[in-house]
Amino acid sequence: MGIPGSGLAKGLAVTLRTMTRKSHTAQYPDAQPELPPRTRGVIGLFEENCTVCMLCARECPDWCIYIDSHKETVPPAAPGGRERSRNVLDRFAIDFALCMYCGICIEVCPFDALFWSPEFEYAETDIRELTHERDKLRDWMWTVPAPPALDPAAEEPKEIAAARKAADKLAAAEAAAAAEAAGADNDTPGDTPRGNGAAS
C-alpha cells in the first residue's frame, strides 16, 4: 500500500517543474504559424478543369457542395460531323459552415479541379458569408502550394512517356524525310559516273 498523499506530491512536483520552464507563446496574428505542407485550410477551384460530372457533390457526406449547369450544343469539328453537347458550369459553391474538411471531394475529382489550400483565415461574422461561390473559390487557387517534386527514382508518368515516344517518332520521321530529300538533291539528272575505260 502506498504512502498516503504520494499522488498529490507527484502532481505538485510536475506542477513545480512546469512552472520553472519558459513558456512559448505564438504571437498570432502578428507571427503567422508555420503550417505543414499538407494542411487542410480551404478548398480552391480550378474552373477550367471542371466538367460538371457532379462526383464531388454526390460523394460529399455533408452535402455542402452546390453545382448548377446547363447544356450547350457544340458545332461539329469537321464538315459532315455531328453536333455534340457539353455541360457548362453556372454555379459552384461550397458551404464551409457545413464542410468537415474530409477531403473526399478532392480525392474523387477525376479532372483535378479541386485543391487544398493552407489558408485558414476566412472567418466571418455572418454564417451566410461562409458559402464561397466559384469566383471566391477560384481566388483561393492562388494560395495553393506547388506540388512536391517527383522522386528521382520514380517511374516516368505514362502521359509524359507516351508524349515523349510520339515526339521521338515524329522527329525520326522528319529526319528520315530530310535525309531522303538531301539524297534526292545530290542525285541530279545530268550526272553520270565516269568509268575507268580508255577514251575512244
N, C-alpha and C. Protein backbone atom coordinates (compact mmCIF):
# COMPACT_ATOMS: atom_id res chain seq x y z
N MET A 1 0.85 -1.18 0.00
CA MET A 1 0.00 0.00 0.00
C MET A 1 0.89 1.24 0.00
N GLY A 2 0.54 2.23 -0.84
CA GLY A 2 1.37 3.41 -0.96
C GLY A 2 1.23 4.35 0.21
N ILE A 3 2.13 5.28 0.26
CA ILE A 3 2.11 6.28 1.33
C ILE A 3 0.96 7.24 1.06
N PRO A 4 0.16 7.56 2.06
CA PRO A 4 -0.94 8.50 1.84
C PRO A 4 -0.42 9.87 1.40
N GLY A 5 -1.05 10.41 0.34
CA GLY A 5 -0.66 11.72 -0.17
C GLY A 5 0.47 11.69 -1.17
N SER A 6 0.97 10.47 -1.56
CA SER A 6 2.08 10.41 -2.53
C SER A 6 1.63 10.86 -3.91
N GLY A 7 0.38 10.57 -4.27
CA GLY A 7 -0.13 11.01 -5.57
C GLY A 7 -0.20 12.52 -5.66
N LEU A 8 -0.63 13.16 -4.57
CA LEU A 8 -0.70 14.61 -4.54
C LEU A 8 0.70 15.21 -4.65
N ALA A 9 1.67 14.60 -3.99
CA ALA A 9 3.04 15.10 -4.04
C ALA A 9 3.61 14.99 -5.44
N LYS A 10 3.33 13.88 -6.12
CA LYS A 10 3.82 13.72 -7.50
C LYS A 10 3.19 14.78 -8.42
N GLY A 11 1.92 15.00 -8.23
CA GLY A 11 1.25 16.02 -9.05
C GLY A 11 1.81 17.40 -8.83
N LEU A 12 2.06 17.75 -7.57
CA LEU A 12 2.65 19.06 -7.27
C LEU A 12 4.07 19.18 -7.82
N ALA A 13 4.82 18.04 -7.82
CA ALA A 13 6.18 18.08 -8.38
C ALA A 13 6.13 18.38 -9.87
N VAL A 14 5.19 17.78 -10.57
CA VAL A 14 5.04 18.06 -12.01
C VAL A 14 4.68 19.53 -12.22
N THR A 15 3.79 20.05 -11.38
CA THR A 15 3.40 21.45 -11.50
C THR A 15 4.58 22.38 -11.27
N LEU A 16 5.38 22.08 -10.24
CA LEU A 16 6.55 22.93 -9.96
C LEU A 16 7.57 22.89 -11.09
N ARG A 17 7.80 21.70 -11.66
CA ARG A 17 8.74 21.61 -12.79
C ARG A 17 8.23 22.43 -13.98
N THR A 18 6.96 22.38 -14.23
CA THR A 18 6.39 23.10 -15.37
C THR A 18 6.45 24.61 -15.13
N MET A 19 6.28 25.02 -13.89
CA MET A 19 6.30 26.46 -13.58
C MET A 19 7.66 27.07 -13.84
N THR A 20 8.71 26.31 -13.74
CA THR A 20 10.05 26.87 -13.92
C THR A 20 10.47 26.95 -15.38
N ARG A 21 9.73 26.29 -16.27
CA ARG A 21 10.08 26.33 -17.70
C ARG A 21 9.55 27.61 -18.33
N LYS A 22 10.30 28.09 -19.32
CA LYS A 22 9.87 29.28 -20.04
C LYS A 22 8.78 28.90 -21.04
N SER A 23 7.69 29.62 -21.02
CA SER A 23 6.58 29.30 -21.92
C SER A 23 6.86 29.89 -23.30
N HIS A 24 6.33 29.22 -24.31
CA HIS A 24 6.48 29.69 -25.70
C HIS A 24 5.08 30.00 -26.23
N THR A 25 4.85 31.27 -26.49
CA THR A 25 3.54 31.70 -26.97
C THR A 25 3.69 32.22 -28.39
N ALA A 26 2.89 31.68 -29.30
CA ALA A 26 2.90 32.16 -30.68
C ALA A 26 2.08 33.45 -30.73
N GLN A 27 2.70 34.53 -31.18
CA GLN A 27 2.06 35.84 -31.19
C GLN A 27 1.20 36.00 -32.45
N TYR A 28 0.18 35.15 -32.55
CA TYR A 28 -0.74 35.25 -33.68
C TYR A 28 -1.71 36.40 -33.41
N PRO A 29 -2.06 37.21 -34.38
CA PRO A 29 -1.78 37.13 -35.82
C PRO A 29 -0.52 37.86 -36.27
N ASP A 30 0.23 38.46 -35.33
CA ASP A 30 1.45 39.17 -35.74
C ASP A 30 2.48 38.21 -36.33
N ALA A 31 2.60 37.02 -35.74
CA ALA A 31 3.51 36.00 -36.26
C ALA A 31 2.67 34.85 -36.80
N GLN A 32 2.77 34.63 -38.11
CA GLN A 32 1.99 33.57 -38.74
C GLN A 32 2.58 32.20 -38.41
N PRO A 33 1.74 31.21 -38.18
CA PRO A 33 2.26 29.87 -37.86
C PRO A 33 2.87 29.21 -39.09
N GLU A 34 3.86 28.34 -38.86
CA GLU A 34 4.45 27.56 -39.95
C GLU A 34 3.63 26.27 -40.08
N LEU A 35 2.87 26.19 -41.14
CA LEU A 35 1.94 25.08 -41.32
C LEU A 35 2.60 23.94 -42.07
N PRO A 36 2.21 22.71 -41.79
CA PRO A 36 2.72 21.57 -42.57
C PRO A 36 2.28 21.69 -44.02
N PRO A 37 3.01 21.06 -44.94
CA PRO A 37 2.68 21.21 -46.36
C PRO A 37 1.32 20.65 -46.75
N ARG A 38 0.80 19.67 -45.98
CA ARG A 38 -0.50 19.08 -46.33
C ARG A 38 -1.63 19.61 -45.46
N THR A 39 -1.51 20.85 -45.01
CA THR A 39 -2.54 21.46 -44.18
C THR A 39 -3.84 21.60 -44.96
N ARG A 40 -4.95 21.29 -44.30
CA ARG A 40 -6.26 21.45 -44.92
C ARG A 40 -6.88 22.75 -44.42
N GLY A 41 -6.80 23.78 -45.23
CA GLY A 41 -7.34 25.07 -44.84
C GLY A 41 -8.65 25.37 -45.54
N VAL A 42 -8.57 25.63 -46.83
CA VAL A 42 -9.75 25.94 -47.63
C VAL A 42 -9.58 25.26 -48.98
N ILE A 43 -10.67 25.09 -49.71
CA ILE A 43 -10.64 24.37 -50.99
C ILE A 43 -10.69 25.38 -52.13
N GLY A 44 -9.76 25.24 -53.06
CA GLY A 44 -9.73 26.09 -54.24
C GLY A 44 -10.27 25.35 -55.46
N LEU A 45 -10.88 26.10 -56.37
CA LEU A 45 -11.49 25.52 -57.58
C LEU A 45 -10.72 25.99 -58.81
N PHE A 46 -10.24 25.02 -59.61
CA PHE A 46 -9.64 25.31 -60.92
C PHE A 46 -10.73 25.07 -61.96
N GLU A 47 -11.44 26.15 -62.27
CA GLU A 47 -12.70 26.05 -63.02
C GLU A 47 -12.52 25.44 -64.40
N GLU A 48 -11.38 25.68 -65.04
CA GLU A 48 -11.17 25.19 -66.40
C GLU A 48 -11.19 23.65 -66.45
N ASN A 49 -10.83 23.00 -65.36
CA ASN A 49 -10.79 21.53 -65.34
C ASN A 49 -12.12 20.91 -64.98
N CYS A 50 -13.08 21.70 -64.50
CA CYS A 50 -14.36 21.15 -64.04
C CYS A 50 -15.23 20.80 -65.24
N THR A 51 -15.70 19.55 -65.28
CA THR A 51 -16.59 19.09 -66.35
C THR A 51 -18.02 18.90 -65.87
N VAL A 52 -18.34 19.36 -64.68
CA VAL A 52 -19.66 19.24 -64.08
C VAL A 52 -20.09 17.78 -64.03
N CYS A 53 -19.17 16.92 -63.63
CA CYS A 53 -19.50 15.49 -63.51
C CYS A 53 -20.28 15.20 -62.23
N MET A 54 -20.30 16.14 -61.29
CA MET A 54 -21.08 16.05 -60.05
C MET A 54 -20.56 15.00 -59.07
N LEU A 55 -19.40 14.42 -59.32
CA LEU A 55 -18.89 13.41 -58.40
C LEU A 55 -18.63 14.00 -57.01
N CYS A 56 -18.07 15.20 -56.97
CA CYS A 56 -17.75 15.80 -55.68
C CYS A 56 -19.02 16.05 -54.87
N ALA A 57 -20.07 16.55 -55.52
CA ALA A 57 -21.31 16.84 -54.80
C ALA A 57 -21.99 15.56 -54.34
N ARG A 58 -21.92 14.50 -55.16
CA ARG A 58 -22.58 13.24 -54.78
C ARG A 58 -21.86 12.53 -53.66
N GLU A 59 -20.53 12.63 -53.62
CA GLU A 59 -19.75 11.92 -52.61
C GLU A 59 -19.60 12.70 -51.31
N CYS A 60 -19.95 13.98 -51.31
CA CYS A 60 -19.78 14.80 -50.10
C CYS A 60 -20.71 14.30 -48.99
N PRO A 61 -20.16 13.90 -47.84
CA PRO A 61 -21.02 13.40 -46.77
C PRO A 61 -21.89 14.47 -46.13
N ASP A 62 -21.51 15.75 -46.26
CA ASP A 62 -22.28 16.84 -45.65
C ASP A 62 -23.21 17.53 -46.64
N TRP A 63 -23.12 17.17 -47.90
CA TRP A 63 -23.93 17.82 -48.95
C TRP A 63 -23.74 19.34 -48.89
N CYS A 64 -22.48 19.75 -48.85
CA CYS A 64 -22.20 21.19 -48.75
C CYS A 64 -21.71 21.78 -50.07
N ILE A 65 -21.74 21.00 -51.14
CA ILE A 65 -21.31 21.49 -52.46
C ILE A 65 -22.54 21.67 -53.34
N TYR A 66 -22.67 22.86 -53.90
CA TYR A 66 -23.84 23.19 -54.74
C TYR A 66 -23.34 23.49 -56.16
N ILE A 67 -23.86 22.73 -57.13
CA ILE A 67 -23.43 22.88 -58.52
C ILE A 67 -24.66 23.05 -59.40
N ASP A 68 -24.63 24.06 -60.26
CA ASP A 68 -25.66 24.26 -61.28
C ASP A 68 -24.96 24.35 -62.63
N SER A 69 -25.63 23.82 -63.66
CA SER A 69 -25.03 23.84 -65.01
C SER A 69 -26.14 23.82 -66.05
N HIS A 70 -25.76 24.05 -67.27
CA HIS A 70 -26.68 23.89 -68.40
C HIS A 70 -25.91 23.28 -69.57
N LYS A 71 -26.63 22.76 -70.53
CA LYS A 71 -26.01 22.12 -71.70
C LYS A 71 -25.97 23.09 -72.86
N GLU A 72 -24.86 23.04 -73.58
CA GLU A 72 -24.70 23.82 -74.80
C GLU A 72 -24.34 22.89 -75.95
N THR A 73 -24.81 23.23 -77.14
CA THR A 73 -24.50 22.43 -78.32
C THR A 73 -23.23 22.95 -78.97
N VAL A 74 -22.32 22.05 -79.23
CA VAL A 74 -21.04 22.40 -79.85
C VAL A 74 -21.11 21.99 -81.32
N PRO A 75 -20.80 22.90 -82.24
CA PRO A 75 -20.84 22.54 -83.67
C PRO A 75 -19.80 21.47 -83.98
N PRO A 76 -20.01 20.73 -85.07
CA PRO A 76 -19.05 19.66 -85.41
C PRO A 76 -17.66 20.23 -85.71
N ALA A 77 -16.64 19.47 -85.35
CA ALA A 77 -15.27 19.91 -85.59
C ALA A 77 -14.89 19.83 -87.06
N ALA A 78 -15.48 18.89 -87.79
CA ALA A 78 -15.19 18.72 -89.22
C ALA A 78 -16.50 18.70 -89.98
N PRO A 79 -16.46 19.09 -91.24
CA PRO A 79 -17.68 19.04 -92.04
C PRO A 79 -18.22 17.60 -92.12
N GLY A 80 -19.52 17.48 -91.99
CA GLY A 80 -20.14 16.15 -92.03
C GLY A 80 -20.22 15.48 -90.67
N GLY A 81 -19.59 16.09 -89.66
CA GLY A 81 -19.64 15.53 -88.31
C GLY A 81 -20.97 15.86 -87.65
N ARG A 82 -21.15 15.33 -86.47
CA ARG A 82 -22.40 15.60 -85.75
C ARG A 82 -22.14 16.56 -84.61
N GLU A 83 -23.20 17.27 -84.25
CA GLU A 83 -23.11 18.20 -83.14
C GLU A 83 -23.00 17.44 -81.82
N ARG A 84 -22.31 18.04 -80.88
CA ARG A 84 -22.17 17.43 -79.56
C ARG A 84 -22.66 18.43 -78.52
N SER A 85 -23.03 17.89 -77.37
CA SER A 85 -23.45 18.76 -76.27
C SER A 85 -22.45 18.64 -75.13
N ARG A 86 -22.26 19.75 -74.42
CA ARG A 86 -21.34 19.74 -73.29
C ARG A 86 -21.96 20.52 -72.14
N ASN A 87 -21.56 20.18 -70.93
CA ASN A 87 -22.04 20.87 -69.74
C ASN A 87 -21.25 22.15 -69.53
N VAL A 88 -21.95 23.20 -69.18
CA VAL A 88 -21.32 24.49 -68.88
C VAL A 88 -21.64 24.83 -67.43
N LEU A 89 -20.62 25.15 -66.66
CA LEU A 89 -20.78 25.42 -65.24
C LEU A 89 -21.41 26.78 -65.02
N ASP A 90 -22.51 26.81 -64.29
CA ASP A 90 -23.17 28.07 -63.92
C ASP A 90 -22.85 28.47 -62.49
N ARG A 91 -22.84 27.50 -61.60
CA ARG A 91 -22.58 27.79 -60.19
C ARG A 91 -21.81 26.65 -59.56
N PHE A 92 -20.79 27.00 -58.79
CA PHE A 92 -20.06 26.04 -57.97
C PHE A 92 -19.81 26.72 -56.64
N ALA A 93 -20.42 26.22 -55.59
CA ALA A 93 -20.29 26.84 -54.27
C ALA A 93 -20.04 25.76 -53.22
N ILE A 94 -19.28 26.13 -52.21
CA ILE A 94 -19.02 25.25 -51.07
C ILE A 94 -19.39 26.00 -49.80
N ASP A 95 -20.23 25.37 -48.99
CA ASP A 95 -20.63 25.96 -47.71
C ASP A 95 -19.66 25.47 -46.64
N PHE A 96 -18.72 26.33 -46.26
CA PHE A 96 -17.72 25.93 -45.27
C PHE A 96 -18.26 25.93 -43.85
N ALA A 97 -19.50 26.39 -43.66
CA ALA A 97 -20.14 26.23 -42.36
C ALA A 97 -20.57 24.78 -42.14
N LEU A 98 -20.76 24.04 -43.23
CA LEU A 98 -21.12 22.62 -43.14
C LEU A 98 -19.95 21.69 -43.38
N CYS A 99 -18.96 22.16 -44.13
CA CYS A 99 -17.83 21.30 -44.53
C CYS A 99 -17.09 20.77 -43.31
N MET A 100 -16.75 19.48 -43.34
CA MET A 100 -15.98 18.90 -42.24
C MET A 100 -14.54 18.60 -42.66
N TYR A 101 -14.12 19.12 -43.82
CA TYR A 101 -12.72 19.05 -44.27
C TYR A 101 -12.22 17.61 -44.38
N CYS A 102 -13.08 16.74 -44.86
CA CYS A 102 -12.66 15.35 -45.02
C CYS A 102 -11.82 15.15 -46.27
N GLY A 103 -11.99 16.02 -47.28
CA GLY A 103 -11.19 15.94 -48.50
C GLY A 103 -11.69 14.91 -49.50
N ILE A 104 -12.87 14.34 -49.28
CA ILE A 104 -13.39 13.34 -50.23
C ILE A 104 -13.62 13.97 -51.60
N CYS A 105 -14.11 15.20 -51.62
CA CYS A 105 -14.39 15.86 -52.91
C CYS A 105 -13.11 16.00 -53.74
N ILE A 106 -12.00 16.30 -53.06
CA ILE A 106 -10.73 16.46 -53.77
C ILE A 106 -10.21 15.11 -54.25
N GLU A 107 -10.41 14.07 -53.44
CA GLU A 107 -9.93 12.74 -53.79
C GLU A 107 -10.68 12.16 -54.99
N VAL A 108 -12.02 12.38 -55.05
CA VAL A 108 -12.81 11.73 -56.09
C VAL A 108 -12.84 12.52 -57.39
N CYS A 109 -12.37 13.78 -57.38
CA CYS A 109 -12.41 14.58 -58.61
C CYS A 109 -11.47 13.96 -59.65
N PRO A 110 -12.00 13.47 -60.78
CA PRO A 110 -11.13 12.80 -61.76
C PRO A 110 -10.39 13.77 -62.67
N PHE A 111 -10.68 15.05 -62.58
CA PHE A 111 -10.09 16.01 -63.52
C PHE A 111 -9.23 17.06 -62.83
N ASP A 112 -8.88 16.84 -61.56
CA ASP A 112 -8.03 17.78 -60.81
C ASP A 112 -8.57 19.20 -60.87
N ALA A 113 -9.82 19.36 -60.44
CA ALA A 113 -10.42 20.69 -60.40
C ALA A 113 -10.45 21.27 -59.00
N LEU A 114 -10.26 20.44 -57.97
CA LEU A 114 -10.31 20.90 -56.58
C LEU A 114 -8.96 20.64 -55.90
N PHE A 115 -8.51 21.62 -55.10
CA PHE A 115 -7.21 21.53 -54.45
C PHE A 115 -7.30 22.09 -53.03
N TRP A 116 -6.46 21.55 -52.15
CA TRP A 116 -6.35 22.08 -50.80
C TRP A 116 -5.44 23.31 -50.80
N SER A 117 -5.86 24.32 -50.07
CA SER A 117 -5.02 25.48 -49.80
C SER A 117 -4.78 25.55 -48.30
N PRO A 118 -3.59 25.94 -47.85
CA PRO A 118 -3.34 26.03 -46.41
C PRO A 118 -3.96 27.26 -45.75
N GLU A 119 -4.59 28.14 -46.53
CA GLU A 119 -5.18 29.35 -45.96
C GLU A 119 -6.34 28.98 -45.02
N PHE A 120 -6.36 29.59 -43.86
CA PHE A 120 -7.41 29.28 -42.89
C PHE A 120 -8.07 30.54 -42.33
N GLU A 121 -7.63 31.71 -42.75
CA GLU A 121 -8.18 32.95 -42.22
C GLU A 121 -9.34 33.43 -43.09
N TYR A 122 -10.48 32.81 -42.95
CA TYR A 122 -11.65 33.26 -43.69
C TYR A 122 -12.89 33.24 -42.80
N ALA A 123 -12.69 33.52 -41.53
CA ALA A 123 -13.82 33.60 -40.60
C ALA A 123 -14.71 34.78 -40.96
N GLU A 124 -15.99 34.64 -40.68
CA GLU A 124 -16.97 35.69 -40.98
C GLU A 124 -17.86 35.92 -39.76
N THR A 125 -18.41 37.12 -39.68
CA THR A 125 -19.37 37.40 -38.60
C THR A 125 -20.76 36.90 -38.95
N ASP A 126 -21.02 36.73 -40.25
CA ASP A 126 -22.31 36.22 -40.71
C ASP A 126 -22.09 34.83 -41.30
N ILE A 127 -22.79 33.83 -40.80
CA ILE A 127 -22.58 32.46 -41.25
C ILE A 127 -22.90 32.28 -42.72
N ARG A 128 -23.75 33.14 -43.26
CA ARG A 128 -24.10 33.03 -44.68
C ARG A 128 -22.93 33.38 -45.59
N GLU A 129 -21.98 34.14 -45.05
CA GLU A 129 -20.81 34.51 -45.85
C GLU A 129 -19.81 33.37 -45.98
N LEU A 130 -20.02 32.27 -45.27
CA LEU A 130 -19.12 31.13 -45.36
C LEU A 130 -19.42 30.25 -46.57
N THR A 131 -20.46 30.57 -47.33
CA THR A 131 -20.71 29.88 -48.60
C THR A 131 -19.92 30.60 -49.67
N HIS A 132 -18.84 29.98 -50.12
CA HIS A 132 -17.96 30.59 -51.11
C HIS A 132 -18.40 30.19 -52.51
N GLU A 133 -18.71 31.18 -53.32
CA GLU A 133 -19.09 30.94 -54.72
C GLU A 133 -17.84 30.70 -55.55
N ARG A 134 -18.05 30.38 -56.83
CA ARG A 134 -16.92 29.93 -57.66
C ARG A 134 -15.87 31.01 -57.86
N ASP A 135 -16.25 32.29 -57.86
CA ASP A 135 -15.25 33.35 -58.01
C ASP A 135 -14.30 33.37 -56.81
N LYS A 136 -14.86 33.20 -55.62
CA LYS A 136 -14.03 33.20 -54.42
C LYS A 136 -13.20 31.92 -54.35
N LEU A 137 -13.81 30.79 -54.77
CA LEU A 137 -13.05 29.53 -54.79
C LEU A 137 -11.90 29.60 -55.78
N ARG A 138 -12.10 30.30 -56.88
CA ARG A 138 -11.02 30.47 -57.86
C ARG A 138 -9.90 31.33 -57.28
N ASP A 139 -10.25 32.35 -56.50
CA ASP A 139 -9.22 33.18 -55.87
C ASP A 139 -8.37 32.37 -54.91
N TRP A 140 -8.94 31.36 -54.27
CA TRP A 140 -8.16 30.52 -53.36
C TRP A 140 -7.10 29.72 -54.10
N MET A 141 -7.27 29.51 -55.41
CA MET A 141 -6.29 28.74 -56.19
C MET A 141 -4.92 29.41 -56.17
N TRP A 142 -4.88 30.74 -56.01
CA TRP A 142 -3.60 31.45 -55.99
C TRP A 142 -2.81 31.13 -54.72
N THR A 143 -3.47 30.56 -53.72
CA THR A 143 -2.79 30.23 -52.47
C THR A 143 -2.43 28.76 -52.36
N VAL A 144 -2.76 27.97 -53.39
CA VAL A 144 -2.45 26.53 -53.37
C VAL A 144 -0.95 26.35 -53.60
N PRO A 145 -0.25 25.65 -52.72
CA PRO A 145 1.19 25.47 -52.92
C PRO A 145 1.50 24.56 -54.11
N ALA A 146 2.67 24.73 -54.66
CA ALA A 146 3.09 23.89 -55.79
C ALA A 146 3.25 22.45 -55.32
N PRO A 147 2.99 21.48 -56.20
CA PRO A 147 3.14 20.08 -55.78
C PRO A 147 4.60 19.75 -55.50
N PRO A 148 4.85 18.78 -54.63
CA PRO A 148 6.24 18.42 -54.34
C PRO A 148 6.92 17.80 -55.55
N ALA A 149 8.22 17.92 -55.60
CA ALA A 149 8.98 17.36 -56.72
C ALA A 149 8.89 15.84 -56.72
N LEU A 150 8.93 15.27 -57.91
CA LEU A 150 8.85 13.82 -58.03
C LEU A 150 10.13 13.17 -57.51
N ASP A 151 10.01 11.97 -57.04
CA ASP A 151 11.16 11.20 -56.60
C ASP A 151 12.04 10.90 -57.82
N PRO A 152 13.33 11.21 -57.76
CA PRO A 152 14.19 10.96 -58.93
C PRO A 152 14.19 9.50 -59.37
N ALA A 153 13.95 8.57 -58.45
CA ALA A 153 13.96 7.16 -58.81
C ALA A 153 12.59 6.66 -59.25
N ALA A 154 11.59 7.54 -59.26
CA ALA A 154 10.24 7.12 -59.64
C ALA A 154 10.13 6.92 -61.15
N GLU A 155 9.18 6.09 -61.54
CA GLU A 155 8.95 5.87 -62.96
C GLU A 155 8.35 7.12 -63.59
N GLU A 156 8.64 7.32 -64.85
CA GLU A 156 8.09 8.46 -65.57
C GLU A 156 6.59 8.28 -65.74
N PRO A 157 5.79 9.33 -65.55
CA PRO A 157 4.34 9.19 -65.74
C PRO A 157 4.00 8.70 -67.15
N LYS A 158 2.92 7.92 -67.24
CA LYS A 158 2.55 7.32 -68.53
C LYS A 158 2.27 8.38 -69.58
N GLU A 159 1.64 9.50 -69.17
CA GLU A 159 1.32 10.54 -70.14
C GLU A 159 2.58 11.15 -70.74
N ILE A 160 3.58 11.40 -69.88
CA ILE A 160 4.83 12.00 -70.37
C ILE A 160 5.60 11.00 -71.23
N ALA A 161 5.58 9.73 -70.81
CA ALA A 161 6.27 8.71 -71.60
C ALA A 161 5.64 8.57 -72.98
N ALA A 162 4.29 8.59 -73.04
CA ALA A 162 3.61 8.48 -74.33
C ALA A 162 3.89 9.70 -75.20
N ALA A 163 3.89 10.89 -74.59
CA ALA A 163 4.18 12.11 -75.36
C ALA A 163 5.62 12.10 -75.86
N ARG A 164 6.55 11.63 -75.02
CA ARG A 164 7.95 11.58 -75.44
C ARG A 164 8.14 10.58 -76.59
N LYS A 165 7.44 9.43 -76.49
CA LYS A 165 7.55 8.43 -77.55
C LYS A 165 7.01 8.97 -78.87
N ALA A 166 5.87 9.68 -78.80
CA ALA A 166 5.29 10.25 -80.02
C ALA A 166 6.21 11.32 -80.60
N ALA A 167 6.81 12.15 -79.74
CA ALA A 167 7.72 13.20 -80.22
C ALA A 167 8.97 12.59 -80.85
N ASP A 168 9.50 11.52 -80.24
CA ASP A 168 10.69 10.87 -80.81
C ASP A 168 10.36 10.25 -82.17
N LYS A 169 9.18 9.65 -82.27
CA LYS A 169 8.76 9.03 -83.54
C LYS A 169 8.61 10.09 -84.62
N LEU A 170 8.02 11.22 -84.27
CA LEU A 170 7.85 12.31 -85.23
C LEU A 170 9.20 12.88 -85.65
N ALA A 171 10.12 13.04 -84.68
CA ALA A 171 11.44 13.57 -85.01
C ALA A 171 12.20 12.60 -85.91
N ALA A 172 12.06 11.29 -85.67
CA ALA A 172 12.73 10.31 -86.54
C ALA A 172 12.16 10.34 -87.94
N ALA A 173 10.83 10.50 -88.06
CA ALA A 173 10.22 10.58 -89.39
C ALA A 173 10.67 11.83 -90.13
N GLU A 174 10.77 12.97 -89.42
CA GLU A 174 11.23 14.20 -90.05
C GLU A 174 12.69 14.09 -90.47
N ALA A 175 13.52 13.43 -89.66
CA ALA A 175 14.93 13.26 -90.01
C ALA A 175 15.08 12.36 -91.23
N ALA A 176 14.25 11.30 -91.30
CA ALA A 176 14.30 10.41 -92.47
C ALA A 176 13.86 11.14 -93.73
N ALA A 177 12.81 11.97 -93.60
CA ALA A 177 12.34 12.73 -94.76
C ALA A 177 13.40 13.74 -95.21
N ALA A 178 14.08 14.39 -94.25
CA ALA A 178 15.12 15.35 -94.60
C ALA A 178 16.31 14.64 -95.27
N ALA A 179 16.67 13.44 -94.78
CA ALA A 179 17.77 12.70 -95.38
C ALA A 179 17.41 12.25 -96.80
N GLU A 180 16.16 11.86 -96.98
CA GLU A 180 15.72 11.43 -98.32
C GLU A 180 15.72 12.60 -99.29
N ALA A 181 15.29 13.78 -98.81
CA ALA A 181 15.29 14.97 -99.66
C ALA A 181 16.72 15.38 -100.01
N ALA A 182 17.62 15.27 -99.03
CA ALA A 182 19.02 15.62 -99.30
C ALA A 182 19.63 14.65 -100.31
N GLY A 183 19.31 13.37 -100.23
CA GLY A 183 19.81 12.39 -101.18
C GLY A 183 19.27 12.63 -102.58
N ALA A 184 18.01 13.07 -102.68
CA ALA A 184 17.43 13.36 -103.99
C ALA A 184 18.08 14.59 -104.62
N ASP A 185 18.47 15.56 -103.79
CA ASP A 185 19.13 16.76 -104.32
C ASP A 185 20.52 16.44 -104.85
N ASN A 186 21.23 15.50 -104.23
CA ASN A 186 22.59 15.16 -104.66
C ASN A 186 22.59 14.40 -105.98
N ASP A 187 21.56 13.61 -106.23
CA ASP A 187 21.47 12.84 -107.47
C ASP A 187 20.75 13.67 -108.53
N THR A 188 21.47 14.58 -109.19
CA THR A 188 20.87 15.42 -110.23
C THR A 188 20.82 14.64 -111.53
N PRO A 189 19.89 14.95 -112.45
CA PRO A 189 19.70 14.14 -113.67
C PRO A 189 20.90 14.17 -114.63
N GLY A 190 21.71 15.15 -114.79
CA GLY A 190 22.77 15.19 -115.79
C GLY A 190 24.04 14.46 -115.40
N ASP A 191 24.16 14.08 -114.19
CA ASP A 191 25.42 13.48 -113.72
C ASP A 191 25.43 11.99 -114.01
N THR A 192 26.53 11.52 -114.68
CA THR A 192 26.71 10.10 -114.89
C THR A 192 28.07 9.71 -114.35
N PRO A 193 28.22 8.61 -113.75
CA PRO A 193 29.52 8.23 -113.20
C PRO A 193 30.52 7.95 -114.33
N ARG A 194 31.75 8.39 -114.14
CA ARG A 194 32.79 8.18 -115.13
C ARG A 194 33.43 6.82 -114.92
N GLY A 195 33.65 6.08 -116.06
CA GLY A 195 34.28 4.78 -115.96
C GLY A 195 35.78 4.87 -116.03
N ASN A 196 36.44 3.78 -115.80
CA ASN A 196 37.90 3.75 -115.86
C ASN A 196 38.40 3.27 -117.24
N GLY A 197 37.47 3.10 -118.20
CA GLY A 197 37.89 2.60 -119.50
C GLY A 197 38.67 3.64 -120.31
N ALA A 198 39.31 3.19 -121.40
CA ALA A 198 40.09 4.11 -122.24
C ALA A 198 39.17 4.96 -123.06
N ALA A 199 39.62 6.16 -123.38
CA ALA A 199 38.83 7.07 -124.21
C ALA A 199 38.81 6.57 -125.62
N SER A 200 37.69 6.77 -126.28
CA SER A 200 37.57 6.31 -127.67
C SER A 200 38.14 7.32 -128.63
